[in-house]
N, C-alpha and C. Protein backbone atom coordinates (compact mmCIF):
# COMPACT_ATOMS: atom_id res chain seq x y z
N ALA A 1 7.91 3.79 19.89
CA ALA A 1 7.76 4.10 18.70
C ALA A 1 5.97 3.39 18.48
N GLN A 2 5.52 4.45 17.72
CA GLN A 2 4.13 3.61 17.01
C GLN A 2 4.13 3.46 15.27
N LEU A 3 3.66 2.64 15.00
CA LEU A 3 3.53 2.09 13.67
C LEU A 3 2.31 2.09 13.05
N GLU A 4 2.33 2.63 11.83
CA GLU A 4 0.87 2.51 11.03
C GLU A 4 1.21 2.10 9.75
N GLU A 5 0.60 0.82 9.25
CA GLU A 5 0.66 0.36 8.04
C GLU A 5 -0.47 0.67 7.13
N SER A 6 -0.06 0.65 5.84
CA SER A 6 -1.31 0.71 4.98
C SER A 6 -0.87 0.19 3.63
N GLY A 7 -1.74 0.10 2.80
CA GLY A 7 -1.50 -0.39 1.20
C GLY A 7 -1.73 -1.82 0.92
N GLY A 8 -2.09 -2.45 1.81
CA GLY A 8 -2.11 -4.06 1.69
C GLY A 8 -3.73 -3.87 0.65
N GLY A 9 -3.72 -5.41 0.02
CA GLY A 9 -5.12 -5.59 -0.66
C GLY A 9 -4.86 -6.67 -1.47
N SER A 10 -6.06 -6.94 -2.46
CA SER A 10 -5.94 -8.12 -3.30
C SER A 10 -5.68 -7.77 -4.47
N VAL A 11 -4.75 -8.40 -5.17
CA VAL A 11 -4.23 -8.25 -6.53
C VAL A 11 -4.18 -9.71 -7.22
N GLN A 12 -4.18 -9.64 -8.59
CA GLN A 12 -3.92 -10.98 -9.38
C GLN A 12 -2.43 -11.23 -9.50
N ALA A 13 -1.97 -12.31 -9.99
CA ALA A 13 -0.70 -12.65 -9.77
C ALA A 13 -0.07 -11.70 -11.10
N GLY A 14 1.23 -11.24 -10.90
CA GLY A 14 1.77 -10.24 -11.61
C GLY A 14 1.53 -8.75 -11.47
N GLY A 15 0.79 -8.50 -10.61
CA GLY A 15 0.36 -7.32 -10.31
C GLY A 15 1.43 -6.75 -9.29
N SER A 16 1.20 -5.36 -8.73
CA SER A 16 1.93 -4.70 -7.83
C SER A 16 1.01 -4.28 -6.62
N LEU A 17 1.81 -3.75 -5.64
CA LEU A 17 1.26 -3.11 -4.57
C LEU A 17 2.51 -2.49 -3.77
N ARG A 18 2.11 -1.30 -3.11
CA ARG A 18 2.97 -0.63 -2.25
C ARG A 18 2.64 -0.48 -0.83
N LEU A 19 3.40 -1.02 -0.04
CA LEU A 19 2.98 -0.82 1.40
C LEU A 19 3.83 0.31 2.08
N SER A 20 3.08 1.12 3.01
CA SER A 20 3.59 2.21 3.75
C SER A 20 3.75 2.03 5.01
N CYS A 21 4.49 2.49 5.85
CA CYS A 21 4.48 2.27 7.31
C CYS A 21 5.14 3.68 7.88
N VAL A 22 4.10 4.27 8.30
CA VAL A 22 4.40 5.79 9.34
C VAL A 22 4.75 5.54 10.47
N VAL A 23 6.14 6.00 10.92
CA VAL A 23 6.54 5.73 12.41
C VAL A 23 6.62 6.93 13.03
N SER A 24 6.10 6.93 14.22
CA SER A 24 5.94 8.23 15.01
C SER A 24 6.44 7.86 16.55
N ALA A 25 6.80 8.96 17.17
CA ALA A 25 7.26 8.82 18.53
C ALA A 25 8.60 8.05 18.75
N THR A 26 9.46 8.48 17.75
CA THR A 26 10.67 7.86 17.59
C THR A 26 11.86 8.83 16.71
N ILE A 27 13.02 8.80 17.23
CA ILE A 27 14.00 9.38 15.87
C ILE A 27 14.27 8.58 14.69
N PHE A 28 13.07 8.70 13.71
CA PHE A 28 12.91 7.80 12.67
C PHE A 28 14.55 7.55 11.81
N SER A 29 15.22 8.55 11.77
CA SER A 29 16.52 8.36 11.01
C SER A 29 17.53 7.56 11.65
N ARG A 30 17.31 7.31 12.74
CA ARG A 30 18.42 6.55 13.59
C ARG A 30 18.03 4.95 13.74
N ASN A 31 16.78 4.64 13.26
CA ASN A 31 16.38 3.19 13.37
C ASN A 31 16.69 2.30 12.33
N ASP A 32 16.90 1.02 12.31
CA ASP A 32 16.80 0.14 11.49
C ASP A 32 15.46 -0.54 11.44
N MET A 33 15.13 -0.85 10.37
CA MET A 33 13.68 -1.06 10.02
C MET A 33 13.59 -2.25 9.01
N GLY A 34 12.25 -2.84 8.91
CA GLY A 34 12.15 -4.03 7.87
C GLY A 34 10.48 -4.22 7.87
N TRP A 35 10.61 -5.24 6.87
CA TRP A 35 9.08 -5.88 6.55
C TRP A 35 9.52 -7.16 6.75
N PHE A 36 8.35 -7.97 7.43
CA PHE A 36 8.17 -9.33 7.75
C PHE A 36 6.98 -9.64 7.15
N ARG A 37 6.77 -11.05 6.99
CA ARG A 37 5.38 -11.42 6.45
C ARG A 37 5.01 -12.72 7.28
N GLN A 38 3.80 -13.03 7.51
CA GLN A 38 3.39 -14.35 8.02
C GLN A 38 2.16 -14.77 7.24
N ALA A 39 2.40 -16.20 6.78
CA ALA A 39 1.20 -16.66 5.82
C ALA A 39 0.67 -17.67 6.87
N PRO A 40 -0.73 -17.82 6.63
CA PRO A 40 -1.31 -18.97 7.35
C PRO A 40 -0.58 -20.32 7.73
N GLY A 41 -0.30 -20.60 9.07
CA GLY A 41 0.35 -21.87 9.31
C GLY A 41 1.83 -21.78 9.00
N LYS A 42 2.43 -20.71 8.99
CA LYS A 42 3.84 -20.60 8.66
C LYS A 42 4.41 -19.40 10.09
N GLN A 43 5.56 -19.55 9.91
CA GLN A 43 6.19 -18.57 10.78
C GLN A 43 6.52 -17.44 10.18
N ARG A 44 6.72 -16.27 10.95
CA ARG A 44 6.80 -14.93 10.31
C ARG A 44 8.31 -15.02 9.72
N GLU A 45 8.41 -14.49 8.71
CA GLU A 45 9.71 -14.24 8.10
C GLU A 45 10.12 -13.21 7.45
N LEU A 46 11.41 -12.62 7.58
CA LEU A 46 11.89 -11.52 7.19
C LEU A 46 11.53 -11.21 5.56
N VAL A 47 11.40 -10.30 5.12
CA VAL A 47 11.01 -10.11 3.87
C VAL A 47 12.17 -8.98 3.17
N ALA A 48 12.41 -7.96 3.81
CA ALA A 48 13.45 -7.12 3.55
C ALA A 48 13.79 -6.22 4.70
N ASP A 49 15.22 -5.60 4.57
CA ASP A 49 15.26 -5.11 5.73
C ASP A 49 16.24 -3.81 5.18
N ILE A 50 16.15 -2.80 6.18
CA ILE A 50 17.01 -1.46 5.65
C ILE A 50 17.48 -0.92 6.91
N THR A 51 18.87 -0.37 6.96
CA THR A 51 19.48 0.03 8.33
C THR A 51 19.17 1.66 8.06
N SER A 52 19.61 2.25 9.17
CA SER A 52 19.78 3.60 9.37
C SER A 52 20.43 4.44 8.29
N GLU A 53 21.84 3.66 7.72
CA GLU A 53 22.46 4.23 6.75
C GLU A 53 22.01 3.97 5.38
N GLY A 54 20.77 2.93 5.28
CA GLY A 54 20.40 2.64 3.99
C GLY A 54 20.82 1.50 3.23
N THR A 55 21.48 0.77 4.01
CA THR A 55 21.68 -0.86 3.63
C THR A 55 20.70 -1.57 3.71
N THR A 56 20.53 -2.50 2.50
CA THR A 56 19.23 -3.13 2.22
C THR A 56 19.67 -4.61 2.18
N VAL A 57 18.64 -5.36 2.73
CA VAL A 57 18.87 -6.89 2.63
C VAL A 57 17.39 -7.45 2.22
N TYR A 58 17.28 -8.43 1.42
CA TYR A 58 16.07 -9.22 1.00
C TYR A 58 16.32 -10.67 1.00
N ALA A 59 15.04 -10.88 1.41
CA ALA A 59 14.93 -12.68 1.16
C ALA A 59 15.19 -13.05 -0.11
N ASP A 60 15.62 -14.27 -0.40
CA ASP A 60 15.83 -14.62 -1.67
C ASP A 60 14.64 -14.77 -2.37
N SER A 61 13.50 -15.15 -1.92
CA SER A 61 12.10 -15.34 -2.57
C SER A 61 11.63 -13.94 -3.02
N VAL A 62 12.20 -12.74 -2.73
CA VAL A 62 11.60 -11.57 -3.26
C VAL A 62 12.63 -10.89 -3.98
N LYS A 63 13.87 -11.27 -4.16
CA LYS A 63 14.83 -10.57 -4.76
C LYS A 63 14.58 -10.11 -6.14
N GLY A 64 14.93 -8.94 -6.54
CA GLY A 64 14.42 -8.63 -7.78
C GLY A 64 13.08 -8.30 -8.18
N ARG A 65 12.06 -8.48 -7.05
CA ARG A 65 10.63 -8.05 -7.28
C ARG A 65 10.30 -6.96 -6.40
N PHE A 66 10.67 -6.95 -5.10
CA PHE A 66 10.56 -6.24 -4.14
C PHE A 66 11.78 -5.22 -3.87
N THR A 67 11.38 -3.85 -3.64
CA THR A 67 12.10 -2.89 -3.18
C THR A 67 11.84 -2.13 -1.73
N ILE A 68 12.79 -2.23 -0.99
CA ILE A 68 12.31 -1.40 0.45
C ILE A 68 13.09 -0.04 0.19
N SER A 69 12.40 0.89 0.74
CA SER A 69 13.12 2.20 0.98
C SER A 69 12.52 2.91 2.13
N ARG A 70 13.25 3.97 2.38
CA ARG A 70 12.81 5.03 3.43
C ARG A 70 12.85 6.39 3.15
N ASP A 71 11.94 7.09 3.75
CA ASP A 71 11.93 8.55 3.43
C ASP A 71 11.95 9.26 4.95
N ASN A 72 13.22 9.58 5.24
CA ASN A 72 13.49 9.95 6.82
C ASN A 72 12.65 11.37 6.93
N ALA A 73 12.54 12.18 5.75
CA ALA A 73 11.64 13.25 5.75
C ALA A 73 10.38 13.20 6.42
N LYS A 74 9.53 12.18 5.80
CA LYS A 74 8.38 11.67 5.99
C LYS A 74 8.18 10.89 7.19
N ASP A 75 9.14 10.14 7.78
CA ASP A 75 9.21 9.18 8.79
C ASP A 75 8.29 7.96 8.15
N THR A 76 8.69 7.45 7.02
CA THR A 76 7.94 6.48 6.45
C THR A 76 8.83 5.75 5.78
N MET A 77 8.39 4.43 6.10
CA MET A 77 9.09 3.31 5.40
C MET A 77 8.20 2.54 3.97
N TYR A 78 8.65 2.31 2.92
CA TYR A 78 8.01 1.66 2.13
C TYR A 78 8.51 0.33 1.65
N LEU A 79 7.42 -0.51 1.12
CA LEU A 79 7.77 -1.91 0.45
C LEU A 79 7.21 -1.75 -0.97
N GLU A 80 7.90 -1.61 -2.01
CA GLU A 80 7.27 -1.69 -3.46
C GLU A 80 7.35 -3.25 -3.95
N MET A 81 6.10 -3.79 -4.22
CA MET A 81 6.00 -5.23 -4.56
C MET A 81 5.71 -5.34 -5.85
N ASN A 82 6.53 -5.86 -6.72
CA ASN A 82 6.14 -6.14 -8.44
C ASN A 82 6.05 -7.48 -8.47
N SER A 83 5.48 -7.74 -9.79
CA SER A 83 5.45 -9.40 -9.93
C SER A 83 4.79 -10.34 -9.16
N LEU A 84 4.04 -10.05 -8.21
CA LEU A 84 3.51 -10.68 -7.05
C LEU A 84 3.02 -11.96 -7.48
N LYS A 85 3.20 -12.94 -6.53
CA LYS A 85 3.04 -14.48 -6.95
C LYS A 85 2.01 -14.68 -5.84
N PRO A 86 1.24 -15.96 -5.84
CA PRO A 86 0.44 -16.49 -5.15
C PRO A 86 0.98 -16.63 -3.70
N GLU A 87 2.22 -17.10 -3.81
CA GLU A 87 3.02 -17.50 -2.53
C GLU A 87 3.40 -16.24 -1.81
N ASP A 88 3.13 -15.06 -2.28
CA ASP A 88 3.33 -13.92 -1.50
C ASP A 88 2.28 -13.19 -0.53
N THR A 89 1.24 -14.12 -0.85
CA THR A 89 -0.03 -13.91 0.22
C THR A 89 0.27 -14.23 1.73
N ALA A 90 0.22 -12.94 2.39
CA ALA A 90 0.40 -13.20 3.81
C ALA A 90 -0.01 -11.82 4.40
N VAL A 91 0.09 -11.69 5.70
CA VAL A 91 -0.09 -10.69 6.57
C VAL A 91 1.32 -10.05 6.45
N TYR A 92 1.47 -8.86 6.35
CA TYR A 92 2.67 -8.21 6.07
C TYR A 92 2.95 -7.23 7.43
N TYR A 93 4.11 -7.16 7.95
CA TYR A 93 4.21 -6.46 9.21
C TYR A 93 5.55 -5.33 9.16
N CYS A 94 5.35 -4.31 9.85
CA CYS A 94 6.25 -3.39 9.74
C CYS A 94 7.01 -3.59 11.11
N ASN A 95 8.35 -3.49 10.86
CA ASN A 95 9.15 -3.60 12.12
C ASN A 95 10.26 -2.64 12.36
N VAL A 96 10.39 -1.78 13.60
CA VAL A 96 11.35 -0.82 13.71
C VAL A 96 12.22 -1.34 15.10
N ARG A 97 13.69 -1.08 15.04
CA ARG A 97 14.20 -1.44 16.13
C ARG A 97 15.05 -0.32 16.38
N GLU A 98 15.01 0.00 17.77
CA GLU A 98 15.84 1.38 18.18
C GLU A 98 16.90 0.88 18.88
N ASN A 99 18.12 0.94 18.63
CA ASN A 99 19.35 0.54 19.35
C ASN A 99 19.85 1.66 20.13
N TYR A 100 19.92 1.29 21.37
CA TYR A 100 20.70 2.07 22.37
C TYR A 100 22.00 1.62 22.85
N GLY A 101 22.58 0.88 22.12
CA GLY A 101 23.89 0.49 22.67
C GLY A 101 23.84 -0.95 23.45
N ARG A 102 24.99 -1.33 23.79
CA ARG A 102 25.17 -2.58 24.34
C ARG A 102 24.37 -2.61 25.89
N GLU A 103 24.56 -1.53 26.55
CA GLU A 103 24.21 -1.46 28.01
C GLU A 103 22.87 -1.41 28.10
N ILE A 104 21.95 -0.59 27.15
CA ILE A 104 20.48 -0.46 27.29
C ILE A 104 19.74 -1.69 26.24
N GLY A 105 20.39 -1.64 25.05
CA GLY A 105 19.89 -2.87 24.33
C GLY A 105 19.13 -2.15 23.09
N VAL A 106 18.33 -3.18 22.50
CA VAL A 106 17.61 -2.81 21.37
C VAL A 106 15.97 -3.19 21.88
N PHE A 107 15.21 -1.98 21.19
CA PHE A 107 13.55 -2.18 21.62
C PHE A 107 13.00 -2.12 20.19
N GLU A 108 12.24 -3.21 20.19
CA GLU A 108 11.56 -3.39 18.92
C GLU A 108 10.32 -3.22 18.94
N TYR A 109 9.45 -2.82 17.84
CA TYR A 109 8.26 -2.52 17.64
C TYR A 109 7.69 -3.08 16.33
N TRP A 110 6.40 -3.44 16.44
CA TRP A 110 5.75 -3.96 15.33
C TRP A 110 4.35 -3.33 15.06
N GLY A 111 4.09 -3.25 13.83
CA GLY A 111 2.85 -2.64 13.15
C GLY A 111 1.67 -3.84 13.51
N GLN A 112 0.55 -3.35 13.08
CA GLN A 112 -0.66 -4.34 13.41
C GLN A 112 -0.71 -5.28 12.06
N GLY A 113 -0.12 -5.19 11.21
CA GLY A 113 0.00 -5.88 9.96
C GLY A 113 -0.98 -5.50 8.89
N THR A 114 -0.74 -5.78 7.61
CA THR A 114 -1.55 -5.45 6.63
C THR A 114 -1.60 -6.58 5.61
N GLN A 115 -3.10 -7.14 5.39
CA GLN A 115 -3.13 -8.44 4.40
C GLN A 115 -2.62 -8.11 3.08
N VAL A 116 -1.99 -8.97 2.52
CA VAL A 116 -1.66 -8.97 0.87
C VAL A 116 -2.09 -10.19 0.49
N THR A 117 -3.14 -10.21 -0.42
CA THR A 117 -3.48 -11.31 -1.14
C THR A 117 -3.40 -11.57 -2.40
N VAL A 118 -2.65 -12.56 -3.15
CA VAL A 118 -2.32 -12.53 -4.55
C VAL A 118 -3.09 -13.68 -5.17
N SER A 119 -4.01 -13.52 -6.07
CA SER A 119 -4.73 -14.70 -6.58
C SER A 119 -3.91 -15.12 -7.93
N SER A 120 -4.31 -16.15 -8.12
CA SER A 120 -3.56 -16.90 -9.48
C SER A 120 -4.58 -16.83 -10.61
């Protein structure tokens, strides 16, 4: 799979951004996907995840503020981020997992990352 992210930028606290991840060279609708982020000096962490069936999971720190979604017709995943805080500042990465079952396993792919900066 190939992943291309967009939508990062700089905003003031309380602002909004929408990240997009266009995925190619894969059967998009079958994949579980997610958004991760990594702040300077910190480990990469899960922000939100969405399965092929549409089940979503969010980190406690973003619940109620961020919304993950997918458009299978456009092979695109989104992360709508509202009420942004300075602590949301990080590089955000798109993640795709192709599950080929127990014998073959899971293939995981990452985007190049997009910077989100929130100023106070």
